[in-house]
Amino acid sequence: MDPIVTFIRASRKKNGLSQEDLAFKAGVGLRFLRELERGKPTVQLDKVNDVLKMFGKQLGVIDKEPDHDQ
């Protein structure tokens, strides 16, 4: 599973927040949050940052690990 999805879901549960609570506090729609937690690949990055901001995080650029299949 995607590390962002895992982090958001775990952080939400650790903080005792329902999806509805987190969506409201982050200023995003419930549908968006549900799709984010399901790992939908076409989410809007600005909204992902709105959710991550609730846990003191933001998206960033990191080096891609080399493909070991080649």
Protein backbone atom coordinates (compact mmCIF):
# COMPACT_ATOMS: atom_id res chain seq x y z
CA MET A 1 0.00 0.00 0.00
CA ASP A 2 1.12 3.57 -0.67
CA PRO A 3 3.07 5.08 2.27
CA ILE A 4 0.99 8.27 2.18
CA VAL A 5 -2.25 6.28 2.41
CA THR A 6 -0.84 4.18 5.25
CA PHE A 7 0.39 7.26 7.11
CA ILE A 8 -2.88 9.18 6.79
CA ARG A 9 -5.08 6.27 7.81
CA ALA A 10 -2.85 5.35 10.78
CA SER A 11 -2.54 8.96 11.91
CA ARG A 12 -6.28 9.52 11.66
CA LYS A 13 -6.98 6.45 13.77
CA LYS A 14 -4.19 7.24 16.27
CA ASN A 15 -5.76 10.66 16.80
CA GLY A 16 -9.24 9.19 17.21
CA LEU A 17 -10.64 10.93 14.14
CA SER A 18 -13.34 9.54 11.91
CA GLN A 19 -13.03 10.15 8.19
CA GLU A 20 -15.78 12.74 8.56
CA ASP A 21 -13.90 14.56 11.34
CA LEU A 22 -10.61 14.63 9.45
CA ALA A 23 -12.24 15.76 6.21
CA PHE A 24 -13.97 18.63 8.01
CA LYS A 25 -10.88 19.73 9.96
CA ALA A 26 -8.64 19.52 6.88
CA GLY A 27 -11.16 21.42 4.75
CA VAL A 28 -11.57 18.66 2.17
CA GLY A 29 -14.63 16.70 1.12
CA LEU A 30 -15.47 13.37 2.69
CA ARG A 31 -15.51 11.73 -0.75
CA PHE A 32 -11.99 13.02 -1.42
CA LEU A 33 -10.69 11.65 1.87
CA ARG A 34 -12.30 8.27 1.30
CA GLU A 35 -10.76 8.06 -2.17
CA LEU A 36 -7.40 9.13 -0.77
CA GLU A 37 -7.50 6.40 1.88
CA ARG A 38 -8.39 3.85 -0.80
CA GLY A 39 -5.30 4.89 -2.76
CA LYS A 40 -7.04 6.42 -5.76
CA PRO A 41 -4.19 7.49 -8.05
CA THR A 42 -5.81 10.68 -9.37
CA VAL A 43 -6.14 12.69 -6.17
CA GLN A 44 -5.32 16.41 -6.11
CA LEU A 45 -1.96 17.06 -4.49
CA ASP A 46 -3.01 20.36 -2.92
CA LYS A 47 -5.81 18.59 -1.10
CA VAL A 48 -3.43 15.80 -0.02
CA ASN A 49 -1.27 18.50 1.54
CA ASP A 50 -4.33 19.92 3.32
CA VAL A 51 -4.86 16.53 4.94
CA LEU A 52 -1.17 15.96 5.72
CA LYS A 53 -0.97 19.43 7.30
CA MET A 54 -3.27 18.15 10.06
CA PHE A 55 -0.40 15.86 11.13
CA GLY A 56 2.44 18.35 10.61
CA LYS A 57 3.51 16.91 7.25
CA GLN A 58 3.57 17.86 3.58
CA LEU A 59 4.37 16.16 0.29
CA GLY A 60 7.89 16.49 -0.99
CA VAL A 61 10.20 15.32 -3.71
CA ILE A 62 12.49 12.39 -2.93
CA ASP A 63 14.88 10.39 -5.05
CA LYS A 64 13.32 7.34 -6.64
CA GLU A 65 14.84 4.08 -5.57
CA PRO A 66 16.51 2.24 -8.45
CA ASP A 67 14.46 -0.47 -10.12
CA HIS A 68 15.91 -3.82 -9.16
CA ASP A 69 14.13 -5.61 -12.01
CA GLN A 70 16.49 -4.28 -14.67
